[in-house]
C-alpha cells in the first residue's frame, strides 16, 4: 500500500526522470468493503482503499507485479485486498498465488540460515525475486544461507530454478482439492476464485513455466475476475450529470410552453402550473444531490 501511495505523490514527475517498479504481495488497505463502496459513491476518497483506487495518472509506473493469495479470511479481519487501476503504459503482471494473508510469506531465520515455513512462501519468494531481477535489481545471495528451495542466482531464470518452481507447483496443486472451491472478495468489486475441479495448472505463472502457448484461466485453479480494472466513476458525478440532464429537459419544455402561451389564456394557466411543478422537481433533485 505504501508503494501505491508513493506513486500517487510522485506522479507529476516525468517518466524521463523517474520510473517506478512495484512488486506487491497482498496489498491490503485494512478497510471494510462496504465502507470503501460508500466512500467511492460519495466521491470523498477518505479511506485508504479509495485514495489509491485509481493510479492511471501515474505514468512513471513502468513495471508492476501484484500477487494475491486465494484463501479468504473472516470479514471482521478487514483483510480484503485491492487491485488499483494502473496506467495502460505499465507492464503489469497480476496473478493469484496459493496461501492466505498470514502465511504466504513465512520464513524462519536461525543465525544465517533462512528456511521457508511452507511451499506457498517459497513460490512467493521466487516470484518477487525473479521480477525484481528482470527490472535491474541485483542481490548478494552469499550473505545468507538459504535452504535448497530458496537458492537463486542473479542470472535470468535458468533451467534449475524453473524446475525447482515446477516441483513446488506440483506439490501444492494436489492440496487444492482438500480445500475445495472457494471465493475471496476484494475491494472495487473484484473477486478471487479457487476452482479445484479438473484443473491442470495452479495459476497463470504455472502455465508460463510449463510453456503453454496461450495461457487461460479456464485451465487454472486460481483465477481473478478482473486483472486490469478500469477506474470507477463516483456516484456524485453520476448524480450531477443526471441533475444537469433533467434541468435541461425541464428548461426545453418550459420554453415550448412559453411560446404557446402567447396564443391562449388557458395555456398561460397550464404554463403557470407546469412552472411550479418543474421548480419543485428541480429543487428535489438539487436537495437529493446536496444530501449525498
C-alpha atoms as a PDB file:
ATOM      1  CA  UNK A   1       0.000   0.000   0.000  1.00  0.00           C
ATOM      2  CA  UNK A   2       2.874   2.360   0.758  1.00  0.00           C
ATOM      3  CA  UNK A   3       4.217   1.886  -2.773  1.00  0.00           C
ATOM      4  CA  UNK A   4       0.816   2.835  -4.257  1.00  0.00           C
ATOM      5  CA  UNK A   5       0.615   5.954  -2.070  1.00  0.00           C
ATOM      6  CA  UNK A   6       4.163   6.925  -3.021  1.00  0.00           C
ATOM      7  CA  UNK A   7       3.291   6.552  -6.710  1.00  0.00           C
ATOM      8  CA  UNK A   8       0.400   8.970  -6.212  1.00  0.00           C
ATOM      9  CA  UNK A   9       2.756  11.535  -4.654  1.00  0.00           C
ATOM     10  CA  UNK A  10       5.352  11.198  -7.430  1.00  0.00           C
ATOM     11  CA  UNK A  11       3.022  11.051 -10.435  1.00  0.00           C
ATOM     12  CA  UNK A  12       3.874  14.613 -11.536  1.00  0.00           C
ATOM     13  CA  UNK A  13       7.483  13.618 -12.280  1.00  0.00           C
ATOM     14  CA  UNK A  14       8.122  12.791 -15.926  1.00  0.00           C
ATOM     15  CA  UNK A  15       8.964   9.167 -16.811  1.00  0.00           C
ATOM     16  CA  UNK A  16      12.133  10.548 -18.427  1.00  0.00           C
ATOM     17  CA  UNK A  17      13.368  11.476 -14.952  1.00  0.00           C
ATOM     18  CA  UNK A  18      11.831   8.740 -12.817  1.00  0.00           C
ATOM     19  CA  UNK A  19      10.474   5.238 -13.366  1.00  0.00           C
ATOM     20  CA  UNK A  20       8.780   3.241 -10.625  1.00  0.00           C
ATOM     21  CA  UNK A  21       8.754  -0.559 -10.319  1.00  0.00           C
ATOM     22  CA  UNK A  22       6.420  -2.131  -7.766  1.00  0.00           C
ATOM     23  CA  UNK A  23       6.421  -5.721  -6.507  1.00  0.00           C
ATOM     24  CA  UNK A  24       3.459  -6.120  -4.163  1.00  0.00           C
ATOM     25  CA  UNK A  25       2.203  -9.187  -2.329  1.00  0.00           C
ATOM     26  CA  UNK A  26      -1.253  -8.945  -0.769  1.00  0.00           C
ATOM     27  CA  UNK A  27      -1.876  -5.159  -0.849  1.00  0.00           C
ATOM     28  CA  UNK A  28      -4.484  -4.837   1.931  1.00  0.00           C
ATOM     29  CA  UNK A  29      -5.703  -1.339   2.949  1.00  0.00           C
ATOM     30  CA  UNK A  30      -7.449  -2.526   6.126  1.00  0.00           C
ATOM     31  CA  UNK A  31     -10.878  -1.062   5.253  1.00  0.00           C
ATOM     32  CA  UNK A  32     -14.263  -2.738   5.205  1.00  0.00           C
ATOM     33  CA  UNK A  33     -15.514  -3.312   1.657  1.00  0.00           C
ATOM     34  CA  UNK A  34     -18.843  -1.600   2.426  1.00  0.00           C
ATOM     35  CA  UNK A  35     -17.054   1.490   3.811  1.00  0.00           C
ATOM     36  CA  UNK A  36     -14.961   1.840   0.651  1.00  0.00           C
ATOM     37  CA  UNK A  37     -18.008   1.412  -1.598  1.00  0.00           C
ATOM     38  CA  UNK A  38     -19.804   4.208   0.271  1.00  0.00           C
ATOM     39  CA  UNK A  39     -16.694   6.394   0.152  1.00  0.00           C
ATOM     40  CA  UNK A  40     -16.348   5.977  -3.611  1.00  0.00           C
ATOM     41  CA  UNK A  41     -20.074   6.569  -4.151  1.00  0.00           C
ATOM     42  CA  UNK A  42     -19.842   9.876  -2.309  1.00  0.00           C
ATOM     43  CA  UNK A  43     -16.653  10.831  -4.146  1.00  0.00           C
ATOM     44  CA  UNK A  44     -14.901  11.720  -0.880  1.00  0.00           C
ATOM     45  CA  UNK A  45     -11.911   9.297  -1.053  1.00  0.00           C
ATOM     46  CA  UNK A  46     -11.279   9.365   2.685  1.00  0.00           C
ATOM     47  CA  UNK A  47     -10.483   5.653   3.074  1.00  0.00           C
ATOM     48  CA  UNK A  48      -7.058   4.279   2.197  1.00  0.00           C
ATOM     49  CA  UNK A  49      -8.520   1.939  -0.428  1.00  0.00           C
ATOM     50  CA  UNK A  50     -10.410   4.745  -2.193  1.00  0.00           C
ATOM     51  CA  UNK A  51      -7.359   7.016  -2.186  1.00  0.00           C
ATOM     52  CA  UNK A  52      -5.304   4.504  -4.226  1.00  0.00           C
ATOM     53  CA  UNK A  53      -8.133   3.029  -6.313  1.00  0.00           C
ATOM     54  CA  UNK A  54      -7.149   4.983  -9.434  1.00  0.00           C
ATOM     55  CA  UNK A  55      -3.437   5.057 -10.358  1.00  0.00           C
ATOM     56  CA  UNK A  56      -3.961   5.647 -14.080  1.00  0.00           C
ATOM     57  CA  UNK A  57      -2.312   9.094 -13.847  1.00  0.00           C
ATOM     58  CA  UNK A  58       0.939   7.574 -12.532  1.00  0.00           C
ATOM     59  CA  UNK A  59       2.577   7.489 -15.962  1.00  0.00           C
ATOM     60  CA  UNK A  60       6.036   6.880 -14.490  1.00  0.00           C
ATOM     61  CA  UNK A  61       4.937   3.467 -13.175  1.00  0.00           C
ATOM     62  CA  UNK A  62       6.919   1.208 -15.503  1.00  0.00           C
ATOM     63  CA  UNK A  63       6.532  -2.306 -14.059  1.00  0.00           C
ATOM     64  CA  UNK A  64       4.031  -3.812 -11.663  1.00  0.00           C
ATOM     65  CA  UNK A  65       3.816  -7.239 -10.031  1.00  0.00           C
ATOM     66  CA  UNK A  66       0.802  -7.827  -7.792  1.00  0.00           C
ATOM     67  CA  UNK A  67       0.194 -11.208  -6.175  1.00  0.00           C
ATOM     68  CA  UNK A  68      -2.940 -12.117  -4.236  1.00  0.00           C
ATOM     69  CA  UNK A  69      -3.446 -15.164  -2.022  1.00  0.00           C
ATOM     70  CA  UNK A  70      -6.524 -17.298  -2.553  1.00  0.00           C
ATOM     71  CA  UNK A  71      -7.604 -18.238   0.979  1.00  0.00           C
ATOM     72  CA  UNK A  72     -10.320 -15.960   2.424  1.00  0.00           C
ATOM     73  CA  UNK A  73     -10.313 -14.628   5.984  1.00  0.00           C
ATOM     74  CA  UNK A  74     -13.343 -13.521   8.054  1.00  0.00           C
ATOM     75  CA  UNK A  75     -14.796 -10.140   7.016  1.00  0.00           C
ATOM     76  CA  UNK A  76     -14.204  -8.754  10.509  1.00  0.00           C
ATOM     77  CA  UNK A  77     -10.441  -9.095   9.901  1.00  0.00           C
ATOM     78  CA  UNK A  78     -10.575  -6.300   7.259  1.00  0.00           C
ATOM     79  CA  UNK A  79      -8.179  -8.265   5.052  1.00  0.00           C
ATOM     80  CA  UNK A  80      -9.830  -7.693   1.671  1.00  0.00           C
ATOM     81  CA  UNK A  81      -7.072  -6.911  -0.879  1.00  0.00           C
ATOM     82  CA  UNK A  82      -7.186  -4.270  -3.590  1.00  0.00           C
ATOM     83  CA  UNK A  83      -6.043  -4.078  -7.204  1.00  0.00           C
ATOM     84  CA  UNK A  84      -5.990  -0.404  -8.255  1.00  0.00           C
ATOM     85  CA  UNK A  85      -6.483   0.762 -11.823  1.00  0.00           C
ATOM     86  CA  UNK A  86      -2.996   1.182 -13.289  1.00  0.00           C
ATOM     87  CA  UNK A  87      -1.683   3.030 -16.375  1.00  0.00           C
ATOM     88  CA  UNK A  88      -2.043   1.234 -19.691  1.00  0.00           C
ATOM     89  CA  UNK A  89       1.632   2.021 -20.386  1.00  0.00           C
ATOM     90  CA  UNK A  90       2.666  -0.029 -17.337  1.00  0.00           C
ATOM     91  CA  UNK A  91       3.898  -3.584 -17.887  1.00  0.00           C
ATOM     92  CA  UNK A  92       1.765  -5.363 -15.291  1.00  0.00           C
ATOM     93  CA  UNK A  93       1.712  -8.947 -14.067  1.00  0.00           C
ATOM     94  CA  UNK A  94      -1.267  -9.754 -11.838  1.00  0.00           C
ATOM     95  CA  UNK A  95      -1.779 -13.266 -10.518  1.00  0.00           C
ATOM     96  CA  UNK A  96      -3.175 -15.370  -7.677  1.00  0.00           C
ATOM     97  CA  UNK A  97      -0.733 -17.377  -5.577  1.00  0.00           C
ATOM     98  CA  UNK A  98      -1.598 -20.132  -3.067  1.00  0.00           C
ATOM     99  CA  UNK A  99      -1.899 -19.449   0.643  1.00  0.00           C
ATOM    100  CA  UNK A 100      -3.541 -16.922   2.938  1.00  0.00           C
ATOM    101  CA  UNK A 101      -2.585 -13.426   4.055  1.00  0.00           C
ATOM    102  CA  UNK A 102      -0.912 -14.577   7.284  1.00  0.00           C
ATOM    103  CA  UNK A 103       1.204 -17.463   5.989  1.00  0.00           C
ATOM    104  CA  UNK A 104       2.075 -16.726   2.335  1.00  0.00           C
ATOM    105  CA  UNK A 105       5.392 -15.119   3.322  1.00  0.00           C
ATOM    106  CA  UNK A 106       6.503 -17.033   6.394  1.00  0.00           C
ATOM    107  CA  UNK A 107      10.222 -17.602   6.987  1.00  0.00           C
ATOM    108  CA  UNK A 108      12.390 -18.669   9.897  1.00  0.00           C
ATOM    109  CA  UNK A 109      15.869 -17.194  10.437  1.00  0.00           C
ATOM    110  CA  UNK A 110      18.300 -19.071  12.648  1.00  0.00           C
ATOM    111  CA  UNK A 111      21.697 -17.424  12.598  1.00  0.00           C
ATOM    112  CA  UNK A 112      22.448 -17.039   8.896  1.00  0.00           C
ATOM    113  CA  UNK A 113      20.078 -19.840   7.866  1.00  0.00           C
ATOM    114  CA  UNK A 114      16.813 -18.885   6.126  1.00  0.00           C
ATOM    115  CA  UNK A 115      14.096 -21.548   5.977  1.00  0.00           C
ATOM    116  CA  UNK A 116      10.616 -21.131   4.479  1.00  0.00           C
ATOM    117  CA  UNK A 117       7.713 -22.348   6.603  1.00  0.00           C
ATOM    118  CA  UNK A 118       5.756 -23.700   3.625  1.00  0.00           C
ATOM    119  CA  UNK A 119       5.760 -24.119  -0.160  1.00  0.00           C
ATOM    120  CA  UNK A 120       3.467 -21.107  -0.596  1.00  0.00           C
ATOM    121  CA  UNK A 121       6.200 -18.890   0.852  1.00  0.00           C
ATOM    122  CA  UNK A 122       8.811 -20.444  -1.421  1.00  0.00           C
ATOM    123  CA  UNK A 123       6.709 -19.715  -4.513  1.00  0.00           C
ATOM    124  CA  UNK A 124       6.038 -16.095  -3.489  1.00  0.00           C
ATOM    125  CA  UNK A 125       9.736 -15.595  -2.679  1.00  0.00           C
ATOM    126  CA  UNK A 126      10.912 -16.714  -6.127  1.00  0.00           C
ATOM    127  CA  UNK A 127       8.244 -14.752  -7.991  1.00  0.00           C
ATOM    128  CA  UNK A 128       9.238 -11.474  -6.332  1.00  0.00           C
ATOM    129  CA  UNK A 129      12.966 -12.156  -6.695  1.00  0.00           C
ATOM    130  CA  UNK A 130      12.655 -13.054 -10.391  1.00  0.00           C
ATOM    131  CA  UNK A 131      10.579  -9.952 -11.177  1.00  0.00           C
ATOM    132  CA  UNK A 132      12.992  -7.622  -9.417  1.00  0.00           C
ATOM    133  CA  UNK A 133      15.932  -9.195 -11.245  1.00  0.00           C
ATOM    134  CA  UNK A 134      14.205  -8.527 -14.581  1.00  0.00           C
ATOM    135  CA  UNK A 135      13.807  -4.883 -13.591  1.00  0.00           C
ATOM    136  CA  UNK A 136      17.518  -4.489 -12.862  1.00  0.00           C
ATOM    137  CA  UNK A 137      17.885  -5.285  -9.144  1.00  0.00           C
ATOM    138  CA  UNK A 138      20.849  -7.455  -8.160  1.00  0.00           C
ATOM    139  CA  UNK A 139      21.114  -9.425  -4.919  1.00  0.00           C
ATOM    140  CA  UNK A 140      24.041 -10.701  -2.881  1.00  0.00           C
ATOM    141  CA  UNK A 141      22.756 -14.182  -2.098  1.00  0.00           C
ATOM    142  CA  UNK A 142      26.063 -15.176  -0.445  1.00  0.00           C
ATOM    143  CA  UNK A 143      25.363 -13.147   2.706  1.00  0.00           C
ATOM    144  CA  UNK A 144      22.705 -15.593   3.901  1.00  0.00           C
ATOM    145  CA  UNK A 145      22.443 -19.365   3.846  1.00  0.00           C
ATOM    146  CA  UNK A 146      19.190 -20.110   2.008  1.00  0.00           C
ATOM    147  CA  UNK A 147      17.610 -23.543   2.146  1.00  0.00           C
ATOM    148  CA  UNK A 148      17.832 -25.516  -1.140  1.00  0.00           C
ATOM    149  CA  UNK A 149      14.366 -24.500  -2.385  1.00  0.00           C
ATOM    150  CA  UNK A 150      15.167 -20.793  -1.823  1.00  0.00           C
ATOM    151  CA  UNK A 151      18.527 -20.686  -3.582  1.00  0.00           C
ATOM    152  CA  UNK A 152      18.767 -18.440  -6.663  1.00  0.00           C
ATOM    153  CA  UNK A 153      21.322 -16.706  -8.870  1.00  0.00           C
ATOM    154  CA  UNK A 154      21.438 -13.200 -10.276  1.00  0.00           C
ATOM    155  CA  UNK A 155      21.166 -14.598 -13.788  1.00  0.00           C
ATOM    156  CA  UNK A 156      17.834 -14.773 -15.566  1.00  0.00           C
ATOM    157  CA  UNK A 157      15.543 -17.670 -14.718  1.00  0.00           C
ATOM    158  CA  UNK A 158      17.631 -20.757 -15.558  1.00  0.00           C
ATOM    159  CA  UNK A 159      16.545 -24.352 -16.037  1.00  0.00           C
ATOM    160  CA  UNK A 160      17.448 -25.283 -12.459  1.00  0.00           C
ATOM    161  CA  UNK A 161      15.260 -22.542 -10.948  1.00  0.00           C
ATOM    162  CA  UNK A 162      12.487 -23.299 -13.419  1.00  0.00           C
ATOM    163  CA  UNK A 163      12.495 -26.997 -12.492  1.00  0.00           C
ATOM    164  CA  UNK A 164      12.527 -26.025  -8.834  1.00  0.00           C
ATOM    165  CA  UNK A 165       9.423 -23.858  -9.240  1.00  0.00           C
ATOM    166  CA  UNK A 166       7.633 -26.520 -11.259  1.00  0.00           C
ATOM    167  CA  UNK A 167       8.288 -29.023  -8.438  1.00  0.00           C
ATOM    168  CA  UNK A 168       6.804 -26.556  -5.938  1.00  0.00           C
ATOM    169  CA  UNK A 169       3.716 -26.071  -8.060  1.00  0.00           C
ATOM    170  CA  UNK A 170       3.422 -29.838  -8.465  1.00  0.00           C
ATOM    171  CA  UNK A 171       3.465 -30.288  -4.683  1.00  0.00           C
ATOM    172  CA  UNK A 172       0.894 -27.570  -3.981  1.00  0.00           C
ATOM    173  CA  UNK A 173      -1.586 -28.405  -6.767  1.00  0.00           C
ATOM    174  CA  UNK A 174      -2.995 -31.624  -5.184  1.00  0.00           C
ATOM    175  CA  UNK A 175      -3.535 -29.802  -1.871  1.00  0.00           C
ATOM    176  CA  UNK A 176      -6.109 -27.524  -3.531  1.00  0.00           C
ATOM    177  CA  UNK A 177      -8.538 -30.465  -3.718  1.00  0.00           C
ATOM    178  CA  UNK A 178      -8.505 -30.642   0.086  1.00  0.00           C
ATOM    179  CA  UNK A 179      -9.823 -27.073   0.445  1.00  0.00           C
ATOM    180  CA  UNK A 180     -12.270 -27.322  -2.456  1.00  0.00           C
ATOM    181  CA  UNK A 181     -13.884 -24.401  -4.289  1.00  0.00           C
ATOM    182  CA  UNK A 182     -13.540 -21.041  -2.530  1.00  0.00           C
ATOM    183  CA  UNK A 183     -14.275 -17.377  -3.179  1.00  0.00           C
ATOM    184  CA  UNK A 184     -12.488 -14.325  -1.797  1.00  0.00           C
ATOM    185  CA  UNK A 185     -13.997 -10.865  -2.124  1.00  0.00           C
ATOM    186  CA  UNK A 186     -11.757  -7.902  -2.976  1.00  0.00           C
ATOM    187  CA  UNK A 187     -12.225  -4.143  -2.955  1.00  0.00           C
ATOM    188  CA  UNK A 188     -13.577  -2.379  -6.061  1.00  0.00           C
ATOM    189  CA  UNK A 189     -15.999  -5.246  -6.806  1.00  0.00           C
ATOM    190  CA  UNK A 190     -13.232  -7.640  -7.789  1.00  0.00           C
ATOM    191  CA  UNK A 191     -13.021 -11.304  -6.776  1.00  0.00           C
ATOM    192  CA  UNK A 192     -10.580 -14.208  -6.412  1.00  0.00           C
ATOM    193  CA  UNK A 193     -11.745 -17.733  -7.210  1.00  0.00           C
ATOM    194  CA  UNK A 194     -10.448 -21.174  -6.314  1.00  0.00           C
ATOM    195  CA  UNK A 195     -11.821 -23.931  -8.537  1.00  0.00           C
ATOM    196  CA  UNK A 196     -10.090 -27.196  -7.739  1.00  0.00           C
ATOM    197  CA  UNK A 197     -12.057 -29.448 -10.087  1.00  0.00           C
ATOM    198  CA  UNK A 198     -10.181 -30.959 -13.056  1.00  0.00           C
ATOM    199  CA  UNK A 199      -7.611 -28.181 -13.483  1.00  0.00           C
ATOM    200  CA  UNK A 200      -4.150 -28.893 -14.817  1.00  0.00           C
ATOM    201  CA  UNK A 201      -2.349 -25.738 -13.645  1.00  0.00           C
ATOM    202  CA  UNK A 202      -2.316 -23.775 -10.410  1.00  0.00           C
ATOM    203  CA  UNK A 203      -2.199 -20.265 -11.918  1.00  0.00           C
ATOM    204  CA  UNK A 204      -1.001 -18.226 -14.909  1.00  0.00           C
ATOM    205  CA  UNK A 205       2.622 -18.386 -13.767  1.00  0.00           C
ATOM    206  CA  UNK A 206       2.439 -22.190 -13.638  1.00  0.00           C
ATOM    207  CA  UNK A 207       1.238 -22.133 -17.250  1.00  0.00           C
ATOM    208  CA  UNK A 208       4.109 -19.864 -18.319  1.00  0.00           C
ATOM    209  CA  UNK A 209       6.695 -22.142 -16.708  1.00  0.00           C
ATOM    210  CA  UNK A 210       5.069 -25.097 -18.487  1.00  0.00           C
ATOM    211  CA  UNK A 211       5.480 -23.291 -21.840  1.00  0.00           C
ATOM    212  CA  UNK A 212       1.733 -23.046 -22.503  1.00  0.00           C
ATOM    213  CA  UNK A 213       1.296 -21.064 -25.713  1.00  0.00           C
ATOM    214  CA  UNK A 214      -1.972 -19.324 -24.824  1.00  0.00           C
ATOM    215  CA  UNK A 215      -2.383 -19.094 -21.034  1.00  0.00           C
ATOM    216  CA  UNK A 216      -6.018 -19.119 -19.952  1.00  0.00           C
ATOM    217  CA  UNK A 217      -7.894 -19.029 -16.651  1.00  0.00           C
ATOM    218  CA  UNK A 218     -10.012 -21.924 -17.910  1.00  0.00           C
ATOM    219  CA  UNK A 219      -7.191 -24.345 -17.064  1.00  0.00           C
ATOM    220  CA  UNK A 220      -6.171 -22.742 -13.731  1.00  0.00           C
ATOM    221  CA  UNK A 221      -7.227 -23.491 -10.164  1.00  0.00           C
ATOM    222  CA  UNK A 222      -6.601 -19.909  -9.002  1.00  0.00           C
ATOM    223  CA  UNK A 223      -8.182 -17.090 -11.019  1.00  0.00           C
ATOM    224  CA  UNK A 224      -9.407 -13.496 -10.755  1.00  0.00           C
ATOM    225  CA  UNK A 225     -12.460 -11.706 -12.082  1.00  0.00           C
ATOM    226  CA  UNK A 226     -10.548  -8.672 -13.434  1.00  0.00           C
ATOM    227  CA  UNK A 227      -6.768  -8.343 -13.811  1.00  0.00           C
ATOM    228  CA  UNK A 228      -6.937  -4.902 -15.434  1.00  0.00           C
ATOM    229  CA  UNK A 229      -9.724  -2.920 -13.710  1.00  0.00           C
ATOM    230  CA  UNK A 230     -10.953   0.420 -15.024  1.00  0.00           C
ATOM    231  CA  UNK A 231     -11.422   3.492 -12.783  1.00  0.00           C
ATOM    232  CA  UNK A 232     -14.781   3.648 -11.021  1.00  0.00           C
ATOM    233  CA  UNK A 233     -16.957   6.722 -11.609  1.00  0.00           C
ATOM    234  CA  UNK A 234     -18.196   8.153  -8.315  1.00  0.00           C
ATOM    235  CA  UNK A 235     -21.920   8.289  -7.658  1.00  0.00           C
ATOM    236  CA  UNK A 236     -21.716  12.051  -7.071  1.00  0.00           C
ATOM    237  CA  UNK A 237     -20.504  12.527 -10.652  1.00  0.00           C
ATOM    238  CA  UNK A 238     -23.386  10.383 -11.920  1.00  0.00           C
ATOM    239  CA  UNK A 239     -25.921  12.315  -9.818  1.00  0.00           C
ATOM    240  CA  UNK A 240     -24.600  15.665 -11.012  1.00  0.00           C
ATOM    241  CA  UNK A 241     -24.875  14.515 -14.625  1.00  0.00           C
ATOM    242  CA  UNK A 242     -28.466  13.356 -14.055  1.00  0.00           C
ATOM    243  CA  UNK A 243     -29.414  16.670 -12.476  1.00  0.00           C
ATOM    244  CA  UNK A 244     -27.896  18.615 -15.363  1.00  0.00           C
ATOM    245  CA  UNK A 245     -29.764  16.475 -17.925  1.00  0.00           C
ATOM    246  CA  UNK A 246     -33.052  16.779 -16.051  1.00  0.00           C
ATOM    247  CA  UNK A 247     -32.659  20.542 -15.703  1.00  0.00           C
ATOM    248  CA  UNK A 248     -32.020  20.887 -19.455  1.00  0.00           C
ATOM    249  CA  UNK A 249     -35.134  18.857 -20.200  1.00  0.00           C
ATOM    250  CA  UNK A 250     -37.290  20.975 -17.899  1.00  0.00           C
ATOM    251  CA  UNK A 251     -35.918  24.165 -19.478  1.00  0.00           C
ATOM    252  CA  UNK A 252     -36.770  22.963 -23.013  1.00  0.00           C
ATOM    253  CA  UNK A 253     -40.318  22.065 -22.023  1.00  0.00           C
ATOM    254  CA  UNK A 254     -40.721  25.401 -20.268  1.00  0.00           C
ATOM    255  CA  UNK A 255     -39.538  27.315 -23.337  1.00  0.00           C
ATOM    256  CA  UNK A 256     -42.016  25.400 -25.505  1.00  0.00           C
ATOM    257  CA  UNK A 257     -44.936  26.353 -23.296  1.00  0.00           C
ATOM    258  CA  UNK A 258     -43.731  29.959 -23.128  1.00  0.00           C
ATOM    259  CA  UNK A 259     -44.160  30.189 -26.897  1.00  0.00           C
ATOM    260  CA  UNK A 260     -47.562  28.501 -26.903  1.00  0.00           C
ATOM    261  CA  UNK A 261     -48.790  30.684 -24.044  1.00  0.00           C
ATOM    262  CA  UNK A 262     -48.934  33.758 -26.282  1.00  0.00           C
ATOM    263  CA  UNK A 263     -51.932  32.366 -28.201  1.00  0.00           C
ATOM    264  CA  UNK A 264     -54.263  31.247 -25.427  1.00  0.00           C
ATOM    265  CA  UNK A 265     -55.233  32.213 -21.878  1.00  0.00           C
ATOM    266  CA  UNK A 266     -55.774  28.612 -20.751  1.00  0.00           C
ATOM    267  CA  UNK A 267     -52.281  27.687 -21.860  1.00  0.00           C
ATOM    268  CA  UNK A 268     -50.978  30.513 -19.660  1.00  0.00           C
ATOM    269  CA  UNK A 269     -52.704  28.884 -16.710  1.00  0.00           C
ATOM    270  CA  UNK A 270     -51.257  25.482 -17.659  1.00  0.00           C
ATOM    271  CA  UNK A 271     -47.827  27.045 -18.028  1.00  0.00           C
ATOM    272  CA  UNK A 272     -48.106  28.576 -14.546  1.00  0.00           C
ATOM    273  CA  UNK A 273     -48.940  25.160 -13.059  1.00  0.00           C
ATOM    274  CA  UNK A 274     -46.135  23.492 -15.006  1.00  0.00           C
ATOM    275  CA  UNK A 275     -43.537  26.051 -13.905  1.00  0.00           C
ATOM    276  CA  UNK A 276     -44.434  25.422 -10.281  1.00  0.00           C
ATOM    277  CA  UNK A 277     -44.083  21.657 -10.760  1.00  0.00           C
ATOM    278  CA  UNK A 278     -40.809  21.998 -12.655  1.00  0.00           C
ATOM    279  CA  UNK A 279     -39.273  24.177  -9.949  1.00  0.00           C
ATOM    280  CA  UNK A 280     -40.368  21.679  -7.316  1.00  0.00           C
ATOM    281  CA  UNK A 281     -38.767  18.844  -9.300  1.00  0.00           C
ATOM    282  CA  UNK A 282     -35.517  20.779  -9.731  1.00  0.00           C
ATOM    283  CA  UNK A 283     -35.440  21.616  -6.049  1.00  0.00           C
ATOM    284  CA  UNK A 284     -35.967  17.943  -5.193  1.00  0.00           C
ATOM    285  CA  UNK A 285     -33.067  16.819  -7.422  1.00  0.00           C
ATOM    286  CA  UNK A 286     -30.761  19.531  -6.080  1.00  0.00           C
ATOM    287  CA  UNK A 287     -31.684  18.688  -2.487  1.00  0.00           C
ATOM    288  CA  UNK A 288     -31.014  14.970  -3.120  1.00  0.00           C
ATOM    289  CA  UNK A 289     -27.619  15.827  -4.593  1.00  0.00           C
ATOM    290  CA  UNK A 290     -26.682  18.055  -1.641  1.00  0.00           C
ATOM    291  CA  UNK A 291     -27.704  15.354   0.816  1.00  0.00           C
ATOM    292  CA  UNK A 292     -25.393  12.903  -0.951  1.00  0.00           C
END
